Amino acid sequence: MPTKKVIKGNAGGIECVINNGEEVLKFIDNILGRDASKLVSRLGKVMICKGIFKEAYIISDTLTKVIKVIFSKGYIPYSAGLYIGRIRKSKPYFIPSINLLQLIYDELGLRRAIVVSDEGLKPFLYGNDILRKSVIRCYEPLSKNDVVGIVGTDGYVYGVGLCAMESCNDLRRLGDLDLVAKNVFDVGWYLRGGTETRERMFKV
């Protein structure tokens, strides 16, 4: 059994904890599958930092040692390792990062994903939602009001949506302009000046 040793840091109103990531792995297990959570668990430890938001990162053993020194000096790293997502108190309880989704899709195949056309991807990258006419393929499992990966025809993850369907079968009854997924995050956020407070990173 792996050790449950916990490393903690606290500064500037932000609390960070480094452990085996059971909380995050449970979320990943629930929405992306047991094989996905096992894949992530092999990458390293999990650091969860809680301030205004509760963010999760995967960090290597080497980076863990560096962060431990940073903690001991009374500081908190702004970011570290691989950002894997945000933990929330209401649904969706976990918003996976595009980096996490890309890793899982590349290693294990698409799941909980919608592949959209180039024509549909362009407005999405400006903060718009995904409509039925833009959908090329759909991958289960889906659940209404939970997260879904938004993937281009090139296989890259361009964002995260909030699914408006219970399953891929719902596509059969939807009209071209019906909502399939609300925009939660898209990579265009970085180009729209997303580092400024006027636009939240996640639209939930």
N, C-alpha and C. Protein backbone atom coordinates (compact mmCIF):
# COMPACT_ATOMS: atom_id res chain seq x y z
N MET A 1 0.84 -1.20 0.00
CA MET A 1 0.00 0.00 0.00
C MET A 1 0.87 1.24 0.00
N PRO A 2 0.55 2.28 -0.82
CA PRO A 2 1.34 3.50 -0.83
C PRO A 2 1.15 4.28 0.46
N THR A 3 2.19 5.01 0.83
CA THR A 3 2.11 5.80 2.05
C THR A 3 1.13 6.95 1.88
N LYS A 4 0.53 7.38 2.99
CA LYS A 4 -0.40 8.49 2.97
C LYS A 4 0.23 9.73 3.59
N LYS A 5 1.54 9.82 3.51
CA LYS A 5 2.25 10.97 4.04
C LYS A 5 1.75 12.24 3.37
N VAL A 6 1.52 13.27 4.20
CA VAL A 6 0.98 14.53 3.72
C VAL A 6 1.99 15.65 3.96
N ILE A 7 2.19 16.49 2.95
CA ILE A 7 3.06 17.66 3.07
C ILE A 7 2.18 18.89 2.91
N LYS A 8 2.31 19.85 3.84
CA LYS A 8 1.43 21.01 3.83
C LYS A 8 2.21 22.31 3.76
N GLY A 9 1.57 23.31 3.14
CA GLY A 9 2.13 24.65 3.08
C GLY A 9 1.01 25.66 3.17
N ASN A 10 1.29 26.84 3.71
CA ASN A 10 0.27 27.86 3.91
C ASN A 10 0.89 29.24 3.80
N ALA A 11 0.38 30.07 2.91
CA ALA A 11 0.89 31.44 2.77
C ALA A 11 -0.09 32.28 1.97
N GLY A 12 -0.22 33.53 2.35
CA GLY A 12 -1.04 34.47 1.59
C GLY A 12 -2.49 34.05 1.44
N GLY A 13 -3.03 33.35 2.43
CA GLY A 13 -4.42 32.92 2.36
C GLY A 13 -4.64 31.69 1.50
N ILE A 14 -3.57 31.06 1.06
CA ILE A 14 -3.67 29.84 0.25
C ILE A 14 -3.07 28.66 1.00
N GLU A 15 -3.81 27.58 1.06
CA GLU A 15 -3.34 26.35 1.71
C GLU A 15 -3.09 25.28 0.65
N CYS A 16 -1.93 24.67 0.69
CA CYS A 16 -1.59 23.60 -0.25
C CYS A 16 -1.28 22.32 0.50
N VAL A 17 -1.73 21.22 -0.06
CA VAL A 17 -1.49 19.90 0.52
C VAL A 17 -0.97 18.99 -0.59
N ILE A 18 0.08 18.25 -0.29
CA ILE A 18 0.62 17.26 -1.23
C ILE A 18 0.40 15.88 -0.64
N ASN A 19 -0.30 15.02 -1.38
CA ASN A 19 -0.54 13.66 -0.90
C ASN A 19 -0.74 12.74 -2.10
N ASN A 20 -1.34 11.58 -1.86
CA ASN A 20 -1.55 10.61 -2.94
C ASN A 20 -2.75 10.95 -3.83
N GLY A 21 -3.47 12.00 -3.49
CA GLY A 21 -4.51 12.51 -4.37
C GLY A 21 -5.79 11.70 -4.42
N GLU A 22 -6.16 11.06 -3.32
CA GLU A 22 -7.35 10.21 -3.34
C GLU A 22 -8.61 10.97 -3.74
N GLU A 23 -8.72 12.22 -3.27
CA GLU A 23 -9.91 13.02 -3.59
C GLU A 23 -10.03 13.25 -5.09
N VAL A 24 -8.94 13.68 -5.71
CA VAL A 24 -8.95 13.97 -7.15
C VAL A 24 -9.10 12.69 -7.96
N LEU A 25 -8.40 11.64 -7.56
CA LEU A 25 -8.47 10.38 -8.30
C LEU A 25 -9.87 9.80 -8.29
N LYS A 26 -10.61 10.04 -7.22
CA LYS A 26 -12.00 9.57 -7.16
C LYS A 26 -12.86 10.29 -8.19
N PHE A 27 -12.64 11.60 -8.33
CA PHE A 27 -13.37 12.37 -9.34
C PHE A 27 -13.04 11.87 -10.74
N ILE A 28 -11.75 11.66 -11.00
CA ILE A 28 -11.31 11.18 -12.32
C ILE A 28 -11.89 9.80 -12.61
N ASP A 29 -11.90 8.96 -11.60
CA ASP A 29 -12.48 7.62 -11.71
C ASP A 29 -13.94 7.72 -12.12
N ASN A 30 -14.68 8.62 -11.46
CA ASN A 30 -16.12 8.74 -11.70
C ASN A 30 -16.46 9.24 -13.09
N ILE A 31 -15.68 10.19 -13.60
CA ILE A 31 -16.06 10.80 -14.88
C ILE A 31 -15.30 10.26 -16.08
N LEU A 32 -14.09 9.71 -15.85
CA LEU A 32 -13.26 9.27 -16.98
C LEU A 32 -12.85 7.81 -16.91
N GLY A 33 -13.16 7.14 -15.80
CA GLY A 33 -12.90 5.71 -15.72
C GLY A 33 -11.75 5.33 -14.80
N ARG A 34 -11.80 4.09 -14.34
CA ARG A 34 -10.79 3.58 -13.42
C ARG A 34 -9.41 3.56 -14.07
N ASP A 35 -9.36 3.21 -15.36
CA ASP A 35 -8.06 3.17 -16.04
C ASP A 35 -7.44 4.56 -16.11
N ALA A 36 -8.28 5.59 -16.22
CA ALA A 36 -7.78 6.97 -16.26
C ALA A 36 -7.20 7.38 -14.91
N SER A 37 -7.89 7.04 -13.84
CA SER A 37 -7.38 7.40 -12.51
C SER A 37 -6.09 6.64 -12.19
N LYS A 38 -5.99 5.40 -12.65
CA LYS A 38 -4.76 4.64 -12.44
C LYS A 38 -3.60 5.26 -13.22
N LEU A 39 -3.89 5.70 -14.44
CA LEU A 39 -2.86 6.36 -15.25
C LEU A 39 -2.33 7.60 -14.54
N VAL A 40 -3.22 8.42 -14.03
CA VAL A 40 -2.83 9.65 -13.35
C VAL A 40 -2.06 9.35 -12.07
N SER A 41 -2.49 8.33 -11.34
CA SER A 41 -1.83 8.00 -10.07
C SER A 41 -0.38 7.59 -10.27
N ARG A 42 -0.05 7.08 -11.45
CA ARG A 42 1.32 6.65 -11.72
C ARG A 42 2.25 7.82 -12.06
N LEU A 43 1.68 8.98 -12.29
CA LEU A 43 2.48 10.12 -12.72
C LEU A 43 3.20 10.83 -11.58
N GLY A 44 2.71 10.65 -10.36
CA GLY A 44 3.33 11.31 -9.22
C GLY A 44 2.33 11.61 -8.14
N LYS A 45 2.68 12.53 -7.27
CA LYS A 45 1.80 12.94 -6.18
C LYS A 45 0.87 14.04 -6.67
N VAL A 46 -0.14 14.33 -5.86
CA VAL A 46 -1.10 15.38 -6.18
C VAL A 46 -0.95 16.52 -5.19
N MET A 47 -0.85 17.74 -5.71
CA MET A 47 -0.86 18.93 -4.86
C MET A 47 -2.18 19.66 -5.08
N ILE A 48 -2.90 19.88 -4.00
CA ILE A 48 -4.16 20.63 -4.05
C ILE A 48 -3.97 21.93 -3.30
N CYS A 49 -4.23 23.04 -3.97
CA CYS A 49 -4.09 24.36 -3.36
C CYS A 49 -5.47 25.02 -3.30
N LYS A 50 -5.81 25.49 -2.11
CA LYS A 50 -7.13 26.08 -1.88
C LYS A 50 -7.00 27.53 -1.46
N GLY A 51 -7.56 28.42 -2.29
CA GLY A 51 -7.64 29.83 -1.98
C GLY A 51 -9.04 30.26 -2.35
N ILE A 52 -9.16 31.17 -3.33
CA ILE A 52 -10.47 31.49 -3.88
C ILE A 52 -11.03 30.26 -4.59
N PHE A 53 -10.14 29.53 -5.27
CA PHE A 53 -10.50 28.29 -5.94
C PHE A 53 -9.68 27.14 -5.37
N LYS A 54 -10.10 25.94 -5.69
CA LYS A 54 -9.39 24.74 -5.23
C LYS A 54 -8.84 24.03 -6.46
N GLU A 55 -7.53 24.15 -6.67
CA GLU A 55 -6.89 23.66 -7.88
C GLU A 55 -5.99 22.46 -7.59
N ALA A 56 -5.88 21.55 -8.56
CA ALA A 56 -5.10 20.32 -8.37
C ALA A 56 -4.01 20.20 -9.43
N TYR A 57 -2.86 19.69 -8.99
CA TYR A 57 -1.69 19.54 -9.86
C TYR A 57 -1.05 18.17 -9.62
N ILE A 58 -0.49 17.59 -10.67
CA ILE A 58 0.34 16.40 -10.52
C ILE A 58 1.79 16.85 -10.48
N ILE A 59 2.52 16.38 -9.47
CA ILE A 59 3.93 16.77 -9.35
C ILE A 59 4.80 15.53 -9.16
N SER A 60 5.98 15.57 -9.73
CA SER A 60 6.93 14.46 -9.63
C SER A 60 7.56 14.43 -8.25
N ASP A 61 8.25 13.34 -7.95
CA ASP A 61 8.94 13.22 -6.66
C ASP A 61 10.01 14.30 -6.52
N THR A 62 10.72 14.57 -7.62
CA THR A 62 11.75 15.61 -7.59
C THR A 62 11.15 16.98 -7.30
N LEU A 63 10.05 17.29 -7.97
CA LEU A 63 9.39 18.57 -7.76
C LEU A 63 8.80 18.66 -6.36
N THR A 64 8.34 17.54 -5.83
CA THR A 64 7.82 17.51 -4.46
C THR A 64 8.87 17.98 -3.47
N LYS A 65 10.09 17.54 -3.67
CA LYS A 65 11.18 17.95 -2.77
C LYS A 65 11.43 19.45 -2.86
N VAL A 66 11.37 19.99 -4.08
CA VAL A 66 11.57 21.43 -4.28
C VAL A 66 10.46 22.22 -3.60
N ILE A 67 9.23 21.78 -3.79
CA ILE A 67 8.09 22.49 -3.20
C ILE A 67 8.12 22.41 -1.68
N LYS A 68 8.58 21.30 -1.15
CA LYS A 68 8.71 21.16 0.30
C LYS A 68 9.64 22.23 0.86
N VAL A 69 10.72 22.51 0.15
CA VAL A 69 11.65 23.58 0.56
C VAL A 69 10.96 24.94 0.48
N ILE A 70 10.19 25.15 -0.59
CA ILE A 70 9.45 26.41 -0.75
C ILE A 70 8.47 26.60 0.40
N PHE A 71 7.76 25.53 0.76
CA PHE A 71 6.84 25.58 1.90
C PHE A 71 7.57 25.99 3.18
N SER A 72 8.74 25.40 3.39
CA SER A 72 9.49 25.64 4.63
C SER A 72 9.93 27.09 4.76
N LYS A 73 9.99 27.80 3.65
CA LYS A 73 10.39 29.22 3.66
C LYS A 73 9.19 30.15 3.73
N GLY A 74 8.00 29.56 3.87
CA GLY A 74 6.80 30.37 4.03
C GLY A 74 6.18 30.85 2.73
N TYR A 75 6.48 30.16 1.65
CA TYR A 75 5.93 30.55 0.35
C TYR A 75 5.07 29.42 -0.23
N ILE A 76 4.27 29.81 -1.24
CA ILE A 76 3.43 28.86 -1.97
C ILE A 76 3.72 29.04 -3.46
N PRO A 77 3.97 27.97 -4.22
CA PRO A 77 4.19 28.13 -5.66
C PRO A 77 2.90 28.56 -6.36
N TYR A 78 3.02 29.49 -7.31
CA TYR A 78 1.85 29.95 -8.06
C TYR A 78 1.25 28.80 -8.86
N SER A 79 2.11 27.97 -9.42
CA SER A 79 1.70 26.80 -10.18
C SER A 79 2.86 25.82 -10.19
N ALA A 80 2.55 24.55 -10.37
CA ALA A 80 3.63 23.55 -10.35
C ALA A 80 3.19 22.28 -11.05
N GLY A 81 4.13 21.65 -11.76
CA GLY A 81 3.82 20.37 -12.38
C GLY A 81 2.77 20.48 -13.48
N LEU A 82 1.91 19.48 -13.54
CA LEU A 82 0.84 19.43 -14.54
C LEU A 82 -0.48 19.81 -13.89
N TYR A 83 -1.06 20.91 -14.33
CA TYR A 83 -2.37 21.33 -13.81
C TYR A 83 -3.42 20.34 -14.31
N ILE A 84 -4.16 19.74 -13.38
CA ILE A 84 -5.12 18.72 -13.79
C ILE A 84 -6.58 19.11 -13.60
N GLY A 85 -6.85 20.20 -12.88
CA GLY A 85 -8.24 20.62 -12.81
C GLY A 85 -8.62 21.34 -11.54
N ARG A 86 -9.91 21.71 -11.51
CA ARG A 86 -10.47 22.45 -10.38
C ARG A 86 -11.54 21.62 -9.67
N ILE A 87 -11.47 21.63 -8.35
CA ILE A 87 -12.45 20.94 -7.51
C ILE A 87 -13.49 21.95 -7.05
N ARG A 88 -14.77 21.57 -7.15
CA ARG A 88 -15.86 22.48 -6.80
C ARG A 88 -16.81 21.85 -5.78
N LYS A 89 -17.61 22.71 -5.15
CA LYS A 89 -18.57 22.24 -4.15
C LYS A 89 -19.91 21.87 -4.77
N SER A 90 -20.13 22.28 -6.03
CA SER A 90 -21.38 21.95 -6.71
C SER A 90 -21.06 21.37 -8.08
N LYS A 91 -22.05 20.74 -8.69
CA LYS A 91 -21.84 20.09 -9.98
C LYS A 91 -21.58 21.11 -11.07
N PRO A 92 -20.59 20.90 -11.92
CA PRO A 92 -19.66 19.76 -11.93
C PRO A 92 -18.63 19.86 -10.81
N TYR A 93 -18.48 18.77 -10.05
CA TYR A 93 -17.61 18.78 -8.88
C TYR A 93 -16.13 18.83 -9.24
N PHE A 94 -15.81 18.42 -10.45
CA PHE A 94 -14.42 18.47 -10.91
C PHE A 94 -14.39 18.88 -12.37
N ILE A 95 -13.62 19.92 -12.68
CA ILE A 95 -13.44 20.35 -14.06
C ILE A 95 -12.03 19.96 -14.48
N PRO A 96 -11.89 18.95 -15.31
CA PRO A 96 -10.55 18.52 -15.73
C PRO A 96 -9.92 19.56 -16.65
N SER A 97 -8.62 19.70 -16.56
CA SER A 97 -7.91 20.61 -17.46
C SER A 97 -7.80 19.98 -18.84
N ILE A 98 -7.54 20.81 -19.84
CA ILE A 98 -7.36 20.27 -21.19
C ILE A 98 -6.10 19.41 -21.24
N ASN A 99 -5.11 19.72 -20.41
CA ASN A 99 -3.88 18.91 -20.37
C ASN A 99 -4.17 17.50 -19.87
N LEU A 100 -5.00 17.41 -18.84
CA LEU A 100 -5.36 16.10 -18.30
C LEU A 100 -6.15 15.30 -19.34
N LEU A 101 -7.13 15.95 -19.96
CA LEU A 101 -7.94 15.26 -20.96
C LEU A 101 -7.08 14.79 -22.13
N GLN A 102 -6.16 15.65 -22.58
CA GLN A 102 -5.30 15.27 -23.70
C GLN A 102 -4.46 14.05 -23.36
N LEU A 103 -3.92 14.04 -22.15
CA LEU A 103 -3.12 12.90 -21.69
C LEU A 103 -3.93 11.62 -21.71
N ILE A 104 -5.12 11.68 -21.15
CA ILE A 104 -5.97 10.48 -21.06
C ILE A 104 -6.43 10.04 -22.45
N TYR A 105 -6.84 10.98 -23.29
CA TYR A 105 -7.31 10.62 -24.63
C TYR A 105 -6.18 10.02 -25.46
N ASP A 106 -4.98 10.58 -25.34
CA ASP A 106 -3.84 10.06 -26.11
C ASP A 106 -3.45 8.66 -25.66
N GLU A 107 -3.50 8.43 -24.36
CA GLU A 107 -3.05 7.14 -23.81
C GLU A 107 -4.14 6.07 -23.84
N LEU A 108 -5.38 6.46 -23.62
CA LEU A 108 -6.44 5.48 -23.41
C LEU A 108 -7.59 5.57 -24.42
N GLY A 109 -7.58 6.59 -25.24
CA GLY A 109 -8.66 6.76 -26.21
C GLY A 109 -9.72 7.73 -25.72
N LEU A 110 -10.55 8.18 -26.67
CA LEU A 110 -11.57 9.17 -26.34
C LEU A 110 -12.69 8.56 -25.51
N ARG A 111 -13.13 9.33 -24.53
CA ARG A 111 -14.32 9.01 -23.74
C ARG A 111 -14.83 10.32 -23.15
N ARG A 112 -16.12 10.39 -22.92
CA ARG A 112 -16.73 11.64 -22.43
C ARG A 112 -16.22 12.81 -23.28
N ALA A 113 -16.42 12.69 -24.59
CA ALA A 113 -15.86 13.68 -25.51
C ALA A 113 -16.80 13.92 -26.69
N ILE A 114 -16.70 15.12 -27.23
CA ILE A 114 -17.42 15.49 -28.45
C ILE A 114 -16.40 16.02 -29.45
N VAL A 115 -16.38 15.42 -30.64
CA VAL A 115 -15.51 15.89 -31.71
C VAL A 115 -16.31 16.85 -32.57
N VAL A 116 -15.77 18.05 -32.78
CA VAL A 116 -16.51 19.08 -33.52
C VAL A 116 -15.77 19.45 -34.81
N SER A 117 -16.53 19.94 -35.76
CA SER A 117 -15.97 20.36 -37.04
C SER A 117 -15.16 21.63 -36.88
N ASP A 118 -14.34 21.92 -37.88
CA ASP A 118 -13.57 23.17 -37.86
C ASP A 118 -14.50 24.38 -37.80
N GLU A 119 -15.63 24.29 -38.50
CA GLU A 119 -16.59 25.40 -38.52
C GLU A 119 -17.20 25.62 -37.14
N GLY A 120 -17.39 24.55 -36.39
CA GLY A 120 -17.94 24.68 -35.04
C GLY A 120 -16.89 25.06 -34.02
N LEU A 121 -15.65 24.69 -34.31
CA LEU A 121 -14.56 24.97 -33.37
C LEU A 121 -14.24 26.46 -33.32
N LYS A 122 -14.33 27.13 -34.45
CA LYS A 122 -13.96 28.55 -34.50
C LYS A 122 -14.80 29.40 -33.55
N PRO A 123 -16.13 29.32 -33.59
CA PRO A 123 -16.91 30.12 -32.63
C PRO A 123 -16.71 29.66 -31.18
N PHE A 124 -16.44 28.37 -30.99
CA PHE A 124 -16.18 27.88 -29.63
C PHE A 124 -14.96 28.56 -29.04
N LEU A 125 -13.94 28.78 -29.87
CA LEU A 125 -12.71 29.42 -29.40
C LEU A 125 -12.89 30.91 -29.12
N TYR A 126 -14.07 31.43 -29.43
CA TYR A 126 -14.41 32.80 -29.07
C TYR A 126 -15.38 32.83 -27.89
N GLY A 127 -15.52 31.68 -27.23
CA GLY A 127 -16.35 31.63 -26.03
C GLY A 127 -17.77 31.16 -26.24
N ASN A 128 -18.11 30.74 -27.47
CA ASN A 128 -19.48 30.31 -27.76
C ASN A 128 -19.69 28.82 -27.45
N ASP A 129 -20.95 28.42 -27.47
CA ASP A 129 -21.31 27.05 -27.14
C ASP A 129 -21.23 26.14 -28.37
N ILE A 130 -21.35 24.83 -28.12
CA ILE A 130 -21.34 23.84 -29.20
C ILE A 130 -22.78 23.49 -29.57
N LEU A 131 -23.11 23.62 -30.85
CA LEU A 131 -24.44 23.28 -31.35
C LEU A 131 -24.41 21.96 -32.10
N ARG A 132 -25.59 21.38 -32.29
CA ARG A 132 -25.70 20.06 -32.91
C ARG A 132 -25.04 20.00 -34.29
N LYS A 133 -25.18 21.05 -35.08
CA LYS A 133 -24.66 21.00 -36.44
C LYS A 133 -23.13 20.92 -36.49
N SER A 134 -22.47 21.22 -35.37
CA SER A 134 -21.01 21.19 -35.33
C SER A 134 -20.45 19.83 -34.94
N VAL A 135 -21.30 18.94 -34.45
CA VAL A 135 -20.83 17.67 -33.89
C VAL A 135 -20.58 16.65 -34.99
N ILE A 136 -19.36 16.10 -34.98
CA ILE A 136 -19.00 15.05 -35.94
C ILE A 136 -19.11 13.67 -35.30
N ARG A 137 -18.58 13.56 -34.08
CA ARG A 137 -18.65 12.29 -33.36
C ARG A 137 -18.87 12.56 -31.88
N CYS A 138 -19.38 11.55 -31.21
CA CYS A 138 -19.70 11.66 -29.78
C CYS A 138 -19.24 10.39 -29.08
N TYR A 139 -18.67 10.55 -27.90
CA TYR A 139 -18.13 9.40 -27.16
C TYR A 139 -18.71 9.37 -25.75
N GLU A 140 -19.29 8.23 -25.40
CA GLU A 140 -19.81 8.01 -24.05
C GLU A 140 -18.64 7.80 -23.07
N PRO A 141 -18.92 7.89 -21.77
CA PRO A 141 -20.22 8.20 -21.16
C PRO A 141 -20.45 9.71 -21.11
N LEU A 142 -21.70 10.10 -21.26
CA LEU A 142 -22.08 11.49 -21.07
C LEU A 142 -23.11 11.57 -19.96
N SER A 143 -23.20 12.70 -19.32
CA SER A 143 -24.25 12.95 -18.35
C SER A 143 -24.57 14.43 -18.36
N LYS A 144 -25.85 14.73 -18.32
CA LYS A 144 -26.30 16.11 -18.43
C LYS A 144 -25.76 16.96 -17.28
N ASN A 145 -25.33 18.16 -17.61
CA ASN A 145 -24.78 19.12 -16.64
C ASN A 145 -23.48 18.67 -16.02
N ASP A 146 -22.77 17.77 -16.70
CA ASP A 146 -21.43 17.41 -16.26
C ASP A 146 -20.47 17.68 -17.42
N VAL A 147 -19.19 17.55 -17.14
CA VAL A 147 -18.18 17.98 -18.10
C VAL A 147 -18.05 17.02 -19.29
N VAL A 148 -17.59 17.60 -20.40
CA VAL A 148 -17.31 16.82 -21.61
C VAL A 148 -16.15 17.50 -22.32
N GLY A 149 -15.22 16.70 -22.84
CA GLY A 149 -14.09 17.25 -23.57
C GLY A 149 -14.50 17.68 -24.97
N ILE A 150 -14.03 18.84 -25.40
CA ILE A 150 -14.31 19.34 -26.75
C ILE A 150 -13.05 19.14 -27.59
N VAL A 151 -13.15 18.29 -28.60
CA VAL A 151 -11.99 17.84 -29.37
C VAL A 151 -12.14 18.25 -30.84
N GLY A 152 -11.04 18.68 -31.45
CA GLY A 152 -11.05 19.01 -32.87
C GLY A 152 -10.81 17.78 -33.72
N THR A 153 -10.97 17.92 -35.03
CA THR A 153 -10.75 16.79 -35.93
C THR A 153 -9.29 16.36 -35.96
N ASP A 154 -8.40 17.21 -35.46
CA ASP A 154 -6.98 16.88 -35.40
C ASP A 154 -6.62 16.09 -34.14
N GLY A 155 -7.61 15.82 -33.29
CA GLY A 155 -7.37 15.04 -32.08
C GLY A 155 -6.96 15.85 -30.87
N TYR A 156 -6.82 17.15 -31.03
CA TYR A 156 -6.42 18.00 -29.90
C TYR A 156 -7.64 18.43 -29.09
N VAL A 157 -7.45 18.56 -27.79
CA VAL A 157 -8.50 19.04 -26.90
C VAL A 157 -8.45 20.57 -26.88
N TYR A 158 -9.55 21.19 -27.27
CA TYR A 158 -9.60 22.65 -27.35
C TYR A 158 -10.39 23.29 -26.21
N GLY A 159 -11.01 22.46 -25.39
CA GLY A 159 -11.75 23.04 -24.29
C GLY A 159 -12.57 22.01 -23.54
N VAL A 160 -13.34 22.53 -22.61
CA VAL A 160 -14.23 21.70 -21.79
C VAL A 160 -15.62 22.31 -21.85
N GLY A 161 -16.61 21.45 -22.02
CA GLY A 161 -17.98 21.92 -22.07
C GLY A 161 -18.81 21.34 -20.95
N LEU A 162 -20.00 21.92 -20.77
CA LEU A 162 -20.98 21.38 -19.84
C LEU A 162 -22.06 20.73 -20.70
N CYS A 163 -22.13 19.42 -20.62
CA CYS A 163 -22.97 18.65 -21.53
C CYS A 163 -24.46 18.94 -21.34
N ALA A 164 -25.18 19.12 -22.44
CA ALA A 164 -26.61 19.36 -22.39
C ALA A 164 -27.40 18.09 -22.72
N MET A 165 -26.70 16.95 -22.85
CA MET A 165 -27.33 15.69 -23.23
C MET A 165 -27.12 14.63 -22.15
N GLU A 166 -28.01 13.67 -22.13
CA GLU A 166 -27.86 12.53 -21.21
C GLU A 166 -26.99 11.44 -21.82
N SER A 167 -26.98 11.37 -23.15
CA SER A 167 -26.16 10.38 -23.85
C SER A 167 -26.00 10.82 -25.30
N CYS A 168 -25.12 10.14 -26.01
CA CYS A 168 -24.90 10.45 -27.42
C CYS A 168 -26.16 10.19 -28.26
N ASN A 169 -27.04 9.32 -27.78
CA ASN A 169 -28.27 9.02 -28.51
C ASN A 169 -29.16 10.25 -28.66
N ASP A 170 -29.00 11.22 -27.76
CA ASP A 170 -29.82 12.44 -27.82
C ASP A 170 -29.57 13.24 -29.09
N LEU A 171 -28.42 13.02 -29.73
CA LEU A 171 -28.10 13.75 -30.95
C LEU A 171 -29.15 13.50 -32.04
N ARG A 172 -29.77 12.33 -32.02
CA ARG A 172 -30.72 11.96 -33.06
C ARG A 172 -31.96 12.84 -33.06
N ARG A 173 -32.33 13.35 -31.91
CA ARG A 173 -33.57 14.14 -31.81
C ARG A 173 -33.32 15.64 -31.83
N LEU A 174 -32.07 16.05 -31.85
CA LEU A 174 -31.75 17.48 -31.80
C LEU A 174 -31.72 18.11 -33.18
N GLY A 175 -32.16 19.36 -33.26
CA GLY A 175 -32.04 20.13 -34.48
C GLY A 175 -30.66 20.74 -34.60
N ASP A 176 -30.35 21.25 -35.79
CA ASP A 176 -29.01 21.78 -36.05
C ASP A 176 -28.58 22.85 -35.06
N LEU A 177 -29.51 23.68 -34.62
CA LEU A 177 -29.17 24.81 -33.76
C LEU A 177 -29.40 24.54 -32.28
N ASP A 178 -29.71 23.29 -31.95
CA ASP A 178 -29.91 22.94 -30.53
C ASP A 178 -28.57 22.83 -29.81
N LEU A 179 -28.61 23.18 -28.53
CA LEU A 179 -27.40 23.16 -27.70
C LEU A 179 -26.96 21.73 -27.40
N VAL A 180 -25.67 21.47 -27.57
CA VAL A 180 -25.08 20.19 -27.21
C VAL A 180 -24.20 20.32 -25.97
N ALA A 181 -23.42 21.40 -25.92
CA ALA A 181 -22.55 21.62 -24.75
C ALA A 181 -22.29 23.11 -24.57
N LYS A 182 -22.44 23.57 -23.35
CA LYS A 182 -22.13 24.97 -23.02
C LYS A 182 -20.62 25.12 -22.85
N ASN A 183 -20.10 26.23 -23.27
CA ASN A 183 -18.67 26.50 -23.13
C ASN A 183 -18.33 26.76 -21.67
N VAL A 184 -17.46 25.91 -21.11
CA VAL A 184 -16.93 26.12 -19.77
C VAL A 184 -15.54 26.73 -19.85
N PHE A 185 -14.72 26.20 -20.75
CA PHE A 185 -13.38 26.74 -20.98
C PHE A 185 -12.94 26.40 -22.40
N ASP A 186 -12.27 27.35 -23.05
CA ASP A 186 -11.66 27.08 -24.35
C ASP A 186 -10.29 27.73 -24.39
N VAL A 187 -9.40 27.20 -25.22
CA VAL A 187 -8.03 27.71 -25.25
C VAL A 187 -7.95 29.14 -25.77
N GLY A 188 -9.00 29.62 -26.42
CA GLY A 188 -9.03 31.00 -26.85
C GLY A 188 -9.02 31.98 -25.69
N TRP A 189 -9.34 31.48 -24.49
CA TRP A 189 -9.32 32.31 -23.27
C TRP A 189 -7.97 32.99 -23.09
N TYR A 190 -6.91 32.26 -23.42
CA TYR A 190 -5.57 32.83 -23.25
C TYR A 190 -5.35 34.01 -24.19
N LEU A 191 -5.90 33.94 -25.39
CA LEU A 191 -5.71 35.00 -26.38
C LEU A 191 -6.67 36.16 -26.17
N ARG A 192 -7.76 35.92 -25.42
CA ARG A 192 -8.73 36.99 -25.17
C ARG A 192 -8.37 37.82 -23.95
N GLY A 193 -7.15 37.66 -23.46
CA GLY A 193 -6.77 38.40 -22.26
C GLY A 193 -7.32 37.76 -21.01
N GLY A 194 -7.40 36.41 -21.04
CA GLY A 194 -8.00 35.68 -19.94
C GLY A 194 -7.27 35.79 -18.63
N THR A 195 -6.05 36.30 -18.64
CA THR A 195 -5.33 36.46 -17.38
C THR A 195 -5.85 37.65 -16.59
N GLU A 196 -6.70 38.45 -17.22
CA GLU A 196 -7.31 39.58 -16.53
C GLU A 196 -8.59 39.13 -15.85
N THR A 197 -8.95 39.82 -14.79
CA THR A 197 -10.09 39.39 -13.97
C THR A 197 -11.44 39.57 -14.66
N ARG A 198 -11.46 40.27 -15.79
CA ARG A 198 -12.75 40.53 -16.43
C ARG A 198 -13.38 39.26 -17.01
N GLU A 199 -12.60 38.24 -17.26
CA GLU A 199 -13.17 36.99 -17.77
C GLU A 199 -12.67 35.82 -16.94
N ARG A 200 -13.60 35.12 -16.33
CA ARG A 200 -13.23 33.96 -15.53
C ARG A 200 -12.66 32.85 -16.41
N MET A 201 -11.78 32.05 -15.81
CA MET A 201 -11.21 30.94 -16.56
C MET A 201 -12.29 29.91 -16.89
N PHE A 202 -13.09 29.56 -15.89
CA PHE A 202 -14.17 28.59 -16.09
C PHE A 202 -15.51 29.30 -15.93
N LYS A 203 -16.42 29.07 -16.86
CA LYS A 203 -17.70 29.78 -16.88
C LYS A 203 -18.77 29.04 -16.06
N VAL A 204 -18.40 28.48 -14.95
CA VAL A 204 -19.36 27.86 -14.03
C VAL A 204 -18.98 28.25 -12.62
